[in-house]
Amino acid sequence: LVFSIGQALLAAKAGATYVSPFVGRLDDISEDGIALVGKIVDVYRYYGYATQVLAASIRHTAHIIQCIEVGVATCPLSAIKGLLNHPLTDAGLKKFLEDYKRVNG
């Protein structure tokens, strides 16, 4: 459970297997949680730390995509389900079903 690059660095130096920056909680106080995840990943790669970054407190679908770009994330089911949804897919599927019913009765 980390909220700063300093905490993440100390955890790695202490031999932690994982650190979990809490993205949503940082966002709640107007700090950029995703940016912290990226900084931690960069520092660990640069110095060769084996500590893994497991982002937590994922609040929505955008967090998932952003974390995938910089690290790894634990995700609530509601955010994962959000990956399935897109307004163009919903509209396209509706139109397809309407056309199918019109042609096939």
PDB file of N, CA and C in Angstrom:
ATOM      1  N   LEU A   1       0.859  -1.175   0.000  1.00  0.00           N
ATOM      2  CA  LEU A   1       0.000   0.000   0.000  1.00  0.00           C
ATOM      3  C   LEU A   1       0.893   1.221   0.000  1.00  0.00           C
ATOM      4  N   VAL A   2       1.038   1.843  -1.182  1.00  0.00           N
ATOM      5  CA  VAL A   2       1.917   3.011  -1.290  1.00  0.00           C
ATOM      6  C   VAL A   2       1.185   4.170  -1.969  1.00  0.00           C
ATOM      7  N   PHE A   3       1.615   5.370  -1.589  1.00  0.00           N
ATOM      8  CA  PHE A   3       1.024   6.581  -2.149  1.00  0.00           C
ATOM      9  C   PHE A   3       2.073   7.545  -2.676  1.00  0.00           C
ATOM     10  N   SER A   4       3.338   7.123  -2.700  1.00  0.00           N
ATOM     11  CA  SER A   4       4.397   8.001  -3.203  1.00  0.00           C
ATOM     12  C   SER A   4       5.531   7.159  -3.773  1.00  0.00           C
ATOM     13  N   ILE A   5       6.341   7.792  -4.606  1.00  0.00           N
ATOM     14  CA  ILE A   5       7.494   7.118  -5.186  1.00  0.00           C
ATOM     15  C   ILE A   5       8.488   6.752  -4.086  1.00  0.00           C
ATOM     16  N   GLY A   6       8.602   7.602  -3.067  1.00  0.00           N
ATOM     17  CA  GLY A   6       9.506   7.317  -1.948  1.00  0.00           C
ATOM     18  C   GLY A   6       9.109   6.052  -1.209  1.00  0.00           C
ATOM     19  N   GLN A   7       7.823   5.893  -0.938  1.00  0.00           N
ATOM     20  CA  GLN A   7       7.350   4.677  -0.278  1.00  0.00           C
ATOM     21  C   GLN A   7       7.618   3.453  -1.141  1.00  0.00           C
ATOM     22  N   ALA A   8       7.386   3.584  -2.440  1.00  0.00           N
ATOM     23  CA  ALA A   8       7.613   2.462  -3.355  1.00  0.00           C
ATOM     24  C   ALA A   8       9.094   2.088  -3.408  1.00  0.00           C
ATOM     25  N   LEU A   9       9.955   3.083  -3.412  1.00  0.00           N
ATOM     26  CA  LEU A   9      11.394   2.837  -3.435  1.00  0.00           C
ATOM     27  C   LEU A   9      11.850   2.125  -2.163  1.00  0.00           C
ATOM     28  N   LEU A  10      11.370   2.590  -1.009  1.00  0.00           N
ATOM     29  CA  LEU A  10      11.726   1.941   0.257  1.00  0.00           C
ATOM     30  C   LEU A  10      11.209   0.510   0.316  1.00  0.00           C
ATOM     31  N   ALA A  11      10.001   0.283  -0.187  1.00  0.00           N
ATOM     32  CA  ALA A  11       9.445  -1.072  -0.203  1.00  0.00           C
ATOM     33  C   ALA A  11      10.303  -2.006  -1.052  1.00  0.00           C
ATOM     34  N   ALA A  12      10.738  -1.529  -2.205  1.00  0.00           N
ATOM     35  CA  ALA A  12      11.586  -2.346  -3.078  1.00  0.00           C
ATOM     36  C   ALA A  12      12.929  -2.628  -2.414  1.00  0.00           C
ATOM     37  N   LYS A  13      13.512  -1.609  -1.802  1.00  0.00           N
ATOM     38  CA  LYS A  13      14.799  -1.796  -1.125  1.00  0.00           C
ATOM     39  C   LYS A  13      14.686  -2.777   0.041  1.00  0.00           C
ATOM     40  N   ALA A  14      13.493  -2.826   0.662  1.00  0.00           N
ATOM     41  CA  ALA A  14      13.266  -3.746   1.775  1.00  0.00           C
ATOM     42  C   ALA A  14      12.967  -5.163   1.285  1.00  0.00           C
ATOM     43  N   GLY A  15      12.847  -5.343  -0.030  1.00  0.00           N
ATOM     44  CA  GLY A  15      12.625  -6.671  -0.593  1.00  0.00           C
ATOM     45  C   GLY A  15      11.173  -7.047  -0.790  1.00  0.00           C
ATOM     46  N   ALA A  16      10.272  -6.067  -0.826  1.00  0.00           N
ATOM     47  CA  ALA A  16       8.847  -6.363  -1.031  1.00  0.00           C
ATOM     48  C   ALA A  16       8.643  -7.080  -2.367  1.00  0.00           C
ATOM     49  N   THR A  17       7.770  -8.060  -2.366  1.00  0.00           N
ATOM     50  CA  THR A  17       7.425  -8.761  -3.595  1.00  0.00           C
ATOM     51  C   THR A  17       6.512  -7.900  -4.459  1.00  0.00           C
ATOM     52  N   TYR A  18       5.573  -7.212  -3.828  1.00  0.00           N
ATOM     53  CA  TYR A  18       4.616  -6.356  -4.524  1.00  0.00           C
ATOM     54  C   TYR A  18       4.483  -5.014  -3.815  1.00  0.00           C
ATOM     55  N   VAL A  19       4.151  -3.989  -4.574  1.00  0.00           N
ATOM     56  CA  VAL A  19       3.640  -2.735  -4.023  1.00  0.00           C
ATOM     57  C   VAL A  19       2.325  -2.443  -4.721  1.00  0.00           C
ATOM     58  N   SER A  20       1.412  -1.846  -3.993  1.00  0.00           N
ATOM     59  CA  SER A  20       0.111  -1.495  -4.555  1.00  0.00           C
ATOM     60  C   SER A  20      -0.148  -0.006  -4.384  1.00  0.00           C
ATOM     61  N   PRO A  21       0.107   0.768  -5.443  1.00  0.00           N
ATOM     62  CA  PRO A  21      -0.316   2.161  -5.404  1.00  0.00           C
ATOM     63  C   PRO A  21      -1.838   2.214  -5.578  1.00  0.00           C
ATOM     64  N   PHE A  22      -2.499   2.952  -4.701  1.00  0.00           N
ATOM     65  CA  PHE A  22      -3.957   3.031  -4.714  1.00  0.00           C
ATOM     66  C   PHE A  22      -4.392   4.209  -5.587  1.00  0.00           C
ATOM     67  N   VAL A  23      -4.625   3.905  -6.851  1.00  0.00           N
ATOM     68  CA  VAL A  23      -4.901   4.904  -7.888  1.00  0.00           C
ATOM     69  C   VAL A  23      -6.116   5.767  -7.548  1.00  0.00           C
ATOM     70  N   GLY A  24      -7.238   5.147  -7.268  1.00  0.00           N
ATOM     71  CA  GLY A  24      -8.473   5.885  -7.016  1.00  0.00           C
ATOM     72  C   GLY A  24      -8.384   6.790  -5.800  1.00  0.00           C
ATOM     73  N   ARG A  25      -7.736   6.312  -4.764  1.00  0.00           N
ATOM     74  CA  ARG A  25      -7.610   7.129  -3.549  1.00  0.00           C
ATOM     75  C   ARG A  25      -6.750   8.362  -3.812  1.00  0.00           C
ATOM     76  N   LEU A  26      -5.718   8.202  -4.636  1.00  0.00           N
ATOM     77  CA  LEU A  26      -4.910   9.368  -5.004  1.00  0.00           C
ATOM     78  C   LEU A  26      -5.728  10.337  -5.850  1.00  0.00           C
ATOM     79  N   ASP A  27      -6.465   9.805  -6.804  1.00  0.00           N
ATOM     80  CA  ASP A  27      -7.325  10.652  -7.629  1.00  0.00           C
ATOM     81  C   ASP A  27      -8.329  11.417  -6.766  1.00  0.00           C
ATOM     82  N   ASP A  28      -8.817  10.768  -5.696  1.00  0.00           N
ATOM     83  CA  ASP A  28      -9.788  11.408  -4.806  1.00  0.00           C
ATOM     84  C   ASP A  28      -9.242  12.674  -4.156  1.00  0.00           C
ATOM     85  N   ILE A  29      -7.915  12.745  -3.982  1.00  0.00           N
ATOM     86  CA  ILE A  29      -7.321  13.938  -3.363  1.00  0.00           C
ATOM     87  C   ILE A  29      -6.590  14.787  -4.405  1.00  0.00           C
ATOM     88  N   SER A  30      -7.016  14.650  -5.654  1.00  0.00           N
ATOM     89  CA  SER A  30      -6.496  15.439  -6.779  1.00  0.00           C
ATOM     90  C   SER A  30      -5.023  15.192  -7.076  1.00  0.00           C
ATOM     91  N   GLU A  31      -4.554  13.975  -6.810  1.00  0.00           N
ATOM     92  CA  GLU A  31      -3.227  13.556  -7.256  1.00  0.00           C
ATOM     93  C   GLU A  31      -3.428  12.555  -8.385  1.00  0.00           C
ATOM     94  N   ASP A  32      -2.448  12.434  -9.260  1.00  0.00           N
ATOM     95  CA  ASP A  32      -2.561  11.563 -10.427  1.00  0.00           C
ATOM     96  C   ASP A  32      -2.062  10.157 -10.087  1.00  0.00           C
ATOM     97  N   GLY A  33      -3.006   9.279  -9.756  1.00  0.00           N
ATOM     98  CA  GLY A  33      -2.663   7.913  -9.373  1.00  0.00           C
ATOM     99  C   GLY A  33      -1.999   7.131 -10.482  1.00  0.00           C
ATOM    100  N   ILE A  34      -2.466   7.303 -11.705  1.00  0.00           N
ATOM    101  CA  ILE A  34      -1.880   6.590 -12.846  1.00  0.00           C
ATOM    102  C   ILE A  34      -0.445   7.049 -13.074  1.00  0.00           C
ATOM    103  N   ALA A  35      -0.195   8.335 -12.926  1.00  0.00           N
ATOM    104  CA  ALA A  35       1.175   8.841 -13.097  1.00  0.00           C
ATOM    105  C   ALA A  35       2.097   8.210 -12.076  1.00  0.00           C
ATOM    106  N   LEU A  36       1.618   8.018 -10.853  1.00  0.00           N
ATOM    107  CA  LEU A  36       2.454   7.374  -9.837  1.00  0.00           C
ATOM    108  C   LEU A  36       2.780   5.938 -10.232  1.00  0.00           C
ATOM    109  N   VAL A  37       1.793   5.214 -10.725  1.00  0.00           N
ATOM    110  CA  VAL A  37       2.039   3.839 -11.179  1.00  0.00           C
ATOM    111  C   VAL A  37       3.143   3.832 -12.234  1.00  0.00           C
ATOM    112  N   GLY A  38       3.043   4.722 -13.198  1.00  0.00           N
ATOM    113  CA  GLY A  38       4.056   4.803 -14.258  1.00  0.00           C
ATOM    114  C   GLY A  38       5.440   5.135 -13.720  1.00  0.00           C
ATOM    115  N   LYS A  39       5.513   6.064 -12.774  1.00  0.00           N
ATOM    116  CA  LYS A  39       6.808   6.432 -12.189  1.00  0.00           C
ATOM    117  C   LYS A  39       7.425   5.254 -11.442  1.00  0.00           C
ATOM    118  N   ILE A  40       6.604   4.539 -10.692  1.00  0.00           N
ATOM    119  CA  ILE A  40       7.115   3.377  -9.945  1.00  0.00           C
ATOM    120  C   ILE A  40       7.652   2.332 -10.914  1.00  0.00           C
ATOM    121  N   VAL A  41       6.884   2.024 -11.943  1.00  0.00           N
ATOM    122  CA  VAL A  41       7.324   1.040 -12.940  1.00  0.00           C
ATOM    123  C   VAL A  41       8.651   1.475 -13.567  1.00  0.00           C
ATOM    124  N   ASP A  42       8.757   2.745 -13.927  1.00  0.00           N
ATOM    125  CA  ASP A  42       9.993   3.253 -14.536  1.00  0.00           C
ATOM    126  C   ASP A  42      11.186   3.125 -13.593  1.00  0.00           C
ATOM    127  N   VAL A  43      11.012   3.506 -12.339  1.00  0.00           N
ATOM    128  CA  VAL A  43      12.105   3.433 -11.355  1.00  0.00           C
ATOM    129  C   VAL A  43      12.525   1.982 -11.132  1.00  0.00           C
ATOM    130  N   TYR A  44      11.565   1.104 -10.992  1.00  0.00           N
ATOM    131  CA  TYR A  44      11.896  -0.312 -10.774  1.00  0.00           C
ATOM    132  C   TYR A  44      12.648  -0.891 -11.968  1.00  0.00           C
ATOM    133  N   ARG A  45      12.231  -0.542 -13.163  1.00  0.00           N
ATOM    134  CA  ARG A  45      12.933  -1.035 -14.361  1.00  0.00           C
ATOM    135  C   ARG A  45      14.347  -0.464 -14.436  1.00  0.00           C
ATOM    136  N   TYR A  46      14.468   0.827 -14.181  1.00  0.00           N
ATOM    137  CA  TYR A  46      15.768   1.491 -14.269  1.00  0.00           C
ATOM    138  C   TYR A  46      16.772   0.873 -13.308  1.00  0.00           C
ATOM    139  N   TYR A  47      16.337   0.627 -12.072  1.00  0.00           N
ATOM    140  CA  TYR A  47      17.249   0.092 -11.052  1.00  0.00           C
ATOM    141  C   TYR A  47      17.237  -1.425 -10.968  1.00  0.00           C
ATOM    142  N   GLY A  48      16.407  -2.079 -11.749  1.00  0.00           N
ATOM    143  CA  GLY A  48      16.385  -3.536 -11.775  1.00  0.00           C
ATOM    144  C   GLY A  48      15.754  -4.188 -10.557  1.00  0.00           C
ATOM    145  N   TYR A  49      14.842  -3.511  -9.887  1.00  0.00           N
ATOM    146  CA  TYR A  49      14.157  -4.117  -8.738  1.00  0.00           C
ATOM    147  C   TYR A  49      13.207  -5.201  -9.210  1.00  0.00           C
ATOM    148  N   ALA A  50      13.134  -6.277  -8.442  1.00  0.00           N
ATOM    149  CA  ALA A  50      12.230  -7.374  -8.778  1.00  0.00           C
ATOM    150  C   ALA A  50      10.814  -7.129  -8.261  1.00  0.00           C
ATOM    151  N   THR A  51      10.633  -6.134  -7.433  1.00  0.00           N
ATOM    152  CA  THR A  51       9.313  -5.826  -6.881  1.00  0.00           C
ATOM    153  C   THR A  51       8.330  -5.559  -8.015  1.00  0.00           C
ATOM    154  N   GLN A  52       7.158  -6.171  -7.900  1.00  0.00           N
ATOM    155  CA  GLN A  52       6.116  -6.019  -8.920  1.00  0.00           C
ATOM    156  C   GLN A  52       5.137  -4.923  -8.501  1.00  0.00           C
ATOM    157  N   VAL A  53       4.604  -4.220  -9.467  1.00  0.00           N
ATOM    158  CA  VAL A  53       3.626  -3.162  -9.218  1.00  0.00           C
ATOM    159  C   VAL A  53       2.236  -3.711  -9.520  1.00  0.00           C
ATOM    160  N   LEU A  54       1.376  -3.649  -8.527  1.00  0.00           N
ATOM    161  CA  LEU A  54       0.004  -4.111  -8.675  1.00  0.00           C
ATOM    162  C   LEU A  54      -0.920  -2.968  -8.283  1.00  0.00           C
ATOM    163  N   ALA A  55      -1.329  -2.186  -9.268  1.00  0.00           N
ATOM    164  CA  ALA A  55      -2.189  -1.030  -9.001  1.00  0.00           C
ATOM    165  C   ALA A  55      -3.511  -1.489  -8.396  1.00  0.00           C
ATOM    166  N   ALA A  56      -4.014  -0.715  -7.459  1.00  0.00           N
ATOM    167  CA  ALA A  56      -5.267  -1.044  -6.782  1.00  0.00           C
ATOM    168  C   ALA A  56      -6.155   0.195  -6.725  1.00  0.00           C
ATOM    169  N   SER A  57      -7.323   0.035  -6.125  1.00  0.00           N
ATOM    170  CA  SER A  57      -8.303   1.114  -6.015  1.00  0.00           C
ATOM    171  C   SER A  57      -8.682   1.621  -7.410  1.00  0.00           C
ATOM    172  N   ILE A  58      -8.889   0.670  -8.304  1.00  0.00           N
ATOM    173  CA  ILE A  58      -9.300   0.977  -9.666  1.00  0.00           C
ATOM    174  C   ILE A  58     -10.784   1.298  -9.627  1.00  0.00           C
ATOM    175  N   ARG A  59     -11.158   2.448 -10.155  1.00  0.00           N
ATOM    176  CA  ARG A  59     -12.529   2.914 -10.006  1.00  0.00           C
ATOM    177  C   ARG A  59     -13.374   2.768 -11.268  1.00  0.00           C
ATOM    178  N   HIS A  60     -12.738   2.751 -12.438  1.00  0.00           N
ATOM    179  CA  HIS A  60     -13.526   2.740 -13.667  1.00  0.00           C
ATOM    180  C   HIS A  60     -12.698   2.168 -14.814  1.00  0.00           C
ATOM    181  N   THR A  61     -13.363   2.009 -15.940  1.00  0.00           N
ATOM    182  CA  THR A  61     -12.753   1.380 -17.109  1.00  0.00           C
ATOM    183  C   THR A  61     -11.509   2.126 -17.589  1.00  0.00           C
ATOM    184  N   ALA A  62     -11.533   3.448 -17.571  1.00  0.00           N
ATOM    185  CA  ALA A  62     -10.360   4.206 -18.021  1.00  0.00           C
ATOM    186  C   ALA A  62      -9.140   3.883 -17.170  1.00  0.00           C
ATOM    187  N   HIS A  63      -9.339   3.690 -15.866  1.00  0.00           N
ATOM    188  CA  HIS A  63      -8.220   3.306 -15.003  1.00  0.00           C
ATOM    189  C   HIS A  63      -7.599   1.987 -15.484  1.00  0.00           C
ATOM    190  N   ILE A  64      -8.440   1.036 -15.863  1.00  0.00           N
ATOM    191  CA  ILE A  64      -7.920  -0.255 -16.329  1.00  0.00           C
ATOM    192  C   ILE A  64      -7.027  -0.048 -17.543  1.00  0.00           C
ATOM    193  N   ILE A  65      -7.521   0.675 -18.534  1.00  0.00           N
ATOM    194  CA  ILE A  65      -6.750   0.891 -19.753  1.00  0.00           C
ATOM    195  C   ILE A  65      -5.456   1.626 -19.440  1.00  0.00           C
ATOM    196  N   GLN A  66      -5.530   2.659 -18.621  1.00  0.00           N
ATOM    197  CA  GLN A  66      -4.336   3.431 -18.273  1.00  0.00           C
ATOM    198  C   GLN A  66      -3.323   2.574 -17.513  1.00  0.00           C
ATOM    199  N   CYS A  67      -3.782   1.715 -16.618  1.00  0.00           N
ATOM    200  CA  CYS A  67      -2.866   0.844 -15.873  1.00  0.00           C
ATOM    201  C   CYS A  67      -2.223  -0.200 -16.780  1.00  0.00           C
ATOM    202  N   ILE A  68      -2.980  -0.712 -17.724  1.00  0.00           N
ATOM    203  CA  ILE A  68      -2.420  -1.677 -18.674  1.00  0.00           C
ATOM    204  C   ILE A  68      -1.266  -1.041 -19.441  1.00  0.00           C
ATOM    205  N   GLU A  69      -1.382   0.250 -19.714  1.00  0.00           N
ATOM    206  CA  GLU A  69      -0.332   0.949 -20.456  1.00  0.00           C
ATOM    207  C   GLU A  69       0.946   1.109 -19.644  1.00  0.00           C
ATOM    208  N   VAL A  70       0.838   1.125 -18.312  1.00  0.00           N
ATOM    209  CA  VAL A  70       2.026   1.368 -17.473  1.00  0.00           C
ATOM    210  C   VAL A  70       2.334   0.258 -16.481  1.00  0.00           C
ATOM    211  N   GLY A  71       1.428  -0.675 -16.234  1.00  0.00           N
ATOM    212  CA  GLY A  71       1.672  -1.697 -15.225  1.00  0.00           C
ATOM    213  C   GLY A  71       0.580  -2.739 -15.212  1.00  0.00           C
ATOM    214  N   VAL A  72       0.246  -3.185 -14.015  1.00  0.00           N
ATOM    215  CA  VAL A  72      -0.749  -4.233 -13.810  1.00  0.00           C
ATOM    216  C   VAL A  72      -1.747  -3.733 -12.775  1.00  0.00           C
ATOM    217  N   ALA A  73      -2.983  -4.214 -12.854  1.00  0.00           N
ATOM    218  CA  ALA A  73      -4.010  -3.709 -11.949  1.00  0.00           C
ATOM    219  C   ALA A  73      -4.905  -4.818 -11.423  1.00  0.00           C
ATOM    220  N   THR A  74      -5.354  -4.643 -10.196  1.00  0.00           N
ATOM    221  CA  THR A  74      -6.478  -5.414  -9.688  1.00  0.00           C
ATOM    222  C   THR A  74      -7.710  -4.604 -10.032  1.00  0.00           C
ATOM    223  N   CYS A  75      -8.801  -5.258 -10.367  1.00  0.00           N
ATOM    224  CA  CYS A  75      -9.958  -4.517 -10.855  1.00  0.00           C
ATOM    225  C   CYS A  75     -11.250  -5.073 -10.277  1.00  0.00           C
ATOM    226  N   PRO A  76     -12.177  -4.186  -9.916  1.00  0.00           N
ATOM    227  CA  PRO A  76     -13.504  -4.662  -9.533  1.00  0.00           C
ATOM    228  C   PRO A  76     -14.264  -5.140 -10.773  1.00  0.00           C
ATOM    229  N   LEU A  77     -15.179  -6.064 -10.572  1.00  0.00           N
ATOM    230  CA  LEU A  77     -15.937  -6.620 -11.683  1.00  0.00           C
ATOM    231  C   LEU A  77     -16.684  -5.539 -12.461  1.00  0.00           C
ATOM    232  N   SER A  78     -17.199  -4.528 -11.764  1.00  0.00           N
ATOM    233  CA  SER A  78     -17.941  -3.472 -12.464  1.00  0.00           C
ATOM    234  C   SER A  78     -17.063  -2.750 -13.480  1.00  0.00           C
ATOM    235  N   ALA A  79     -15.801  -2.514 -13.150  1.00  0.00           N
ATOM    236  CA  ALA A  79     -14.896  -1.859 -14.098  1.00  0.00           C
ATOM    237  C   ALA A  79     -14.563  -2.791 -15.260  1.00  0.00           C
ATOM    238  N   ILE A  80     -14.393  -4.072 -14.968  1.00  0.00           N
ATOM    239  CA  ILE A  80     -14.102  -5.041 -16.033  1.00  0.00           C
ATOM    240  C   ILE A  80     -15.285  -5.127 -16.998  1.00  0.00           C
ATOM    241  N   LYS A  81     -16.500  -5.172 -16.451  1.00  0.00           N
ATOM    242  CA  LYS A  81     -17.688  -5.213 -17.312  1.00  0.00           C
ATOM    243  C   LYS A  81     -17.759  -3.971 -18.183  1.00  0.00           C
ATOM    244  N   GLY A  82     -17.275  -2.859 -17.676  1.00  0.00           N
ATOM    245  CA  GLY A  82     -17.273  -1.631 -18.444  1.00  0.00           C
ATOM    246  C   GLY A  82     -16.447  -1.735 -19.712  1.00  0.00           C
ATOM    247  N   LEU A  83     -15.471  -2.637 -19.730  1.00  0.00           N
ATOM    248  CA  LEU A  83     -14.658  -2.836 -20.930  1.00  0.00           C
ATOM    249  C   LEU A  83     -15.492  -3.379 -22.088  1.00  0.00           C
ATOM    250  N   LEU A  84     -16.584  -4.043 -21.771  1.00  0.00           N
ATOM    251  CA  LEU A  84     -17.447  -4.615 -22.806  1.00  0.00           C
ATOM    252  C   LEU A  84     -18.298  -3.571 -23.510  1.00  0.00           C
ATOM    253  N   ASN A  85     -18.527  -2.459 -22.845  1.00  0.00           N
ATOM    254  CA  ASN A  85     -19.481  -1.483 -23.343  1.00  0.00           C
ATOM    255  C   ASN A  85     -18.824  -0.392 -24.172  1.00  0.00           C
ATOM    256  N   HIS A  86     -19.507  -0.054 -25.239  1.00  0.00           N
ATOM    257  CA  HIS A  86     -19.128   1.093 -26.051  1.00  0.00           C
ATOM    258  C   HIS A  86     -20.396   1.553 -26.749  1.00  0.00           C
ATOM    259  N   PRO A  87     -20.681   2.849 -26.770  1.00  0.00           N
ATOM    260  CA  PRO A  87     -21.938   3.304 -27.366  1.00  0.00           C
ATOM    261  C   PRO A  87     -22.091   2.929 -28.836  1.00  0.00           C
ATOM    262  N   LEU A  88     -21.009   2.879 -29.584  1.00  0.00           N
ATOM    263  CA  LEU A  88     -21.117   2.497 -30.997  1.00  0.00           C
ATOM    264  C   LEU A  88     -21.432   1.021 -31.156  1.00  0.00           C
ATOM    265  N   THR A  89     -20.901   0.189 -30.256  1.00  0.00           N
ATOM    266  CA  THR A  89     -21.235  -1.236 -30.288  1.00  0.00           C
ATOM    267  C   THR A  89     -22.699  -1.429 -29.958  1.00  0.00           C
ATOM    268  N   ASP A  90     -23.174  -0.746 -28.916  1.00  0.00           N
ATOM    269  CA  ASP A  90     -24.580  -0.862 -28.524  1.00  0.00           C
ATOM    270  C   ASP A  90     -25.503  -0.421 -29.654  1.00  0.00           C
ATOM    271  N   ALA A  91     -25.206   0.724 -30.289  1.00  0.00           N
ATOM    272  CA  ALA A  91     -26.030   1.228 -31.384  1.00  0.00           C
ATOM    273  C   ALA A  91     -25.959   0.296 -32.594  1.00  0.00           C
ATOM    274  N   GLY A  92     -24.762  -0.200 -32.886  1.00  0.00           N
ATOM    275  CA  GLY A  92     -24.593  -1.111 -34.024  1.00  0.00           C
ATOM    276  C   GLY A  92     -25.337  -2.418 -33.827  1.00  0.00           C
ATOM    277  N   LEU A  93     -25.280  -2.956 -32.623  1.00  0.00           N
ATOM    278  CA  LEU A  93     -25.985  -4.202 -32.332  1.00  0.00           C
ATOM    279  C   LEU A  93     -27.496  -4.000 -32.431  1.00  0.00           C
ATOM    280  N   LYS A  94     -27.985  -2.890 -31.909  1.00  0.00           N
ATOM    281  CA  LYS A  94     -29.415  -2.586 -31.992  1.00  0.00           C
ATOM    282  C   LYS A  94     -29.859  -2.522 -33.453  1.00  0.00           C
ATOM    283  N   LYS A  95     -29.085  -1.818 -34.275  1.00  0.00           N
ATOM    284  CA  LYS A  95     -29.408  -1.687 -35.699  1.00  0.00           C
ATOM    285  C   LYS A  95     -29.361  -3.044 -36.396  1.00  0.00           C
ATOM    286  N   PHE A  96     -28.356  -3.847 -36.080  1.00  0.00           N
ATOM    287  CA  PHE A  96     -28.232  -5.177 -36.676  1.00  0.00           C
ATOM    288  C   PHE A  96     -29.462  -6.024 -36.347  1.00  0.00           C
ATOM    289  N   LEU A  97     -29.875  -6.020 -35.080  1.00  0.00           N
ATOM    290  CA  LEU A  97     -31.035  -6.820 -34.674  1.00  0.00           C
ATOM    291  C   LEU A  97     -32.321  -6.320 -35.329  1.00  0.00           C
ATOM    292  N   GLU A  98     -32.462  -4.998 -35.447  1.00  0.00           N
ATOM    293  CA  GLU A  98     -33.632  -4.441 -36.140  1.00  0.00           C
ATOM    294  C   GLU A  98     -33.647  -4.884 -37.596  1.00  0.00           C
ATOM    295  N   ASP A  99     -32.497  -4.804 -38.270  1.00  0.00           N
ATOM    296  CA  ASP A  99     -32.410  -5.228 -39.675  1.00  0.00           C
ATOM    297  C   ASP A  99     -32.703  -6.712 -39.818  1.00  0.00           C
ATOM    298  N   TYR A 100     -32.187  -7.510 -38.904  1.00  0.00           N
ATOM    299  CA  TYR A 100     -32.406  -8.953 -38.947  1.00  0.00           C
ATOM    300  C   TYR A 100     -33.903  -9.267 -38.825  1.00  0.00           C
ATOM    301  N   LYS A 101     -34.567  -8.611 -37.872  1.00  0.00           N
ATOM    302  CA  LYS A 101     -36.004  -8.842 -37.696  1.00  0.00           C
ATOM    303  C   LYS A 101     -36.795  -8.395 -38.916  1.00  0.00           C
ATOM    304  N   ARG A 102     -36.377  -7.279 -39.525  1.00  0.00           N
ATOM    305  CA  ARG A 102     -37.074  -6.779 -40.697  1.00  0.00           C
ATOM    306  C   ARG A 102     -36.938  -7.765 -41.852  1.00  0.00           C
ATOM    307  N   VAL A 103     -35.769  -8.331 -42.057  1.00  0.00           N
ATOM    308  CA  VAL A 103     -35.509  -9.247 -43.182  1.00  0.00           C
ATOM    309  C   VAL A 103     -36.071 -10.639 -42.893  1.00  0.00           C
ATOM    310  N   ASN A 104     -35.915 -11.108 -41.670  1.00  0.00           N
ATOM    311  CA  ASN A 104     -36.264 -12.486 -41.344  1.00  0.00           C
ATOM    312  C   ASN A 104     -37.554 -12.633 -40.554  1.00  0.00           C
ATOM    313  N   GLY A 105     -38.223 -11.539 -40.291  1.00  0.00           N
ATOM    314  CA  GLY A 105     -39.503 -11.589 -39.583  1.00  0.00           C
ATOM    315  C   GLY A 105     -39.309 -11.804 -38.165  1.00  0.00           C
TER     316      GLY A 105
END
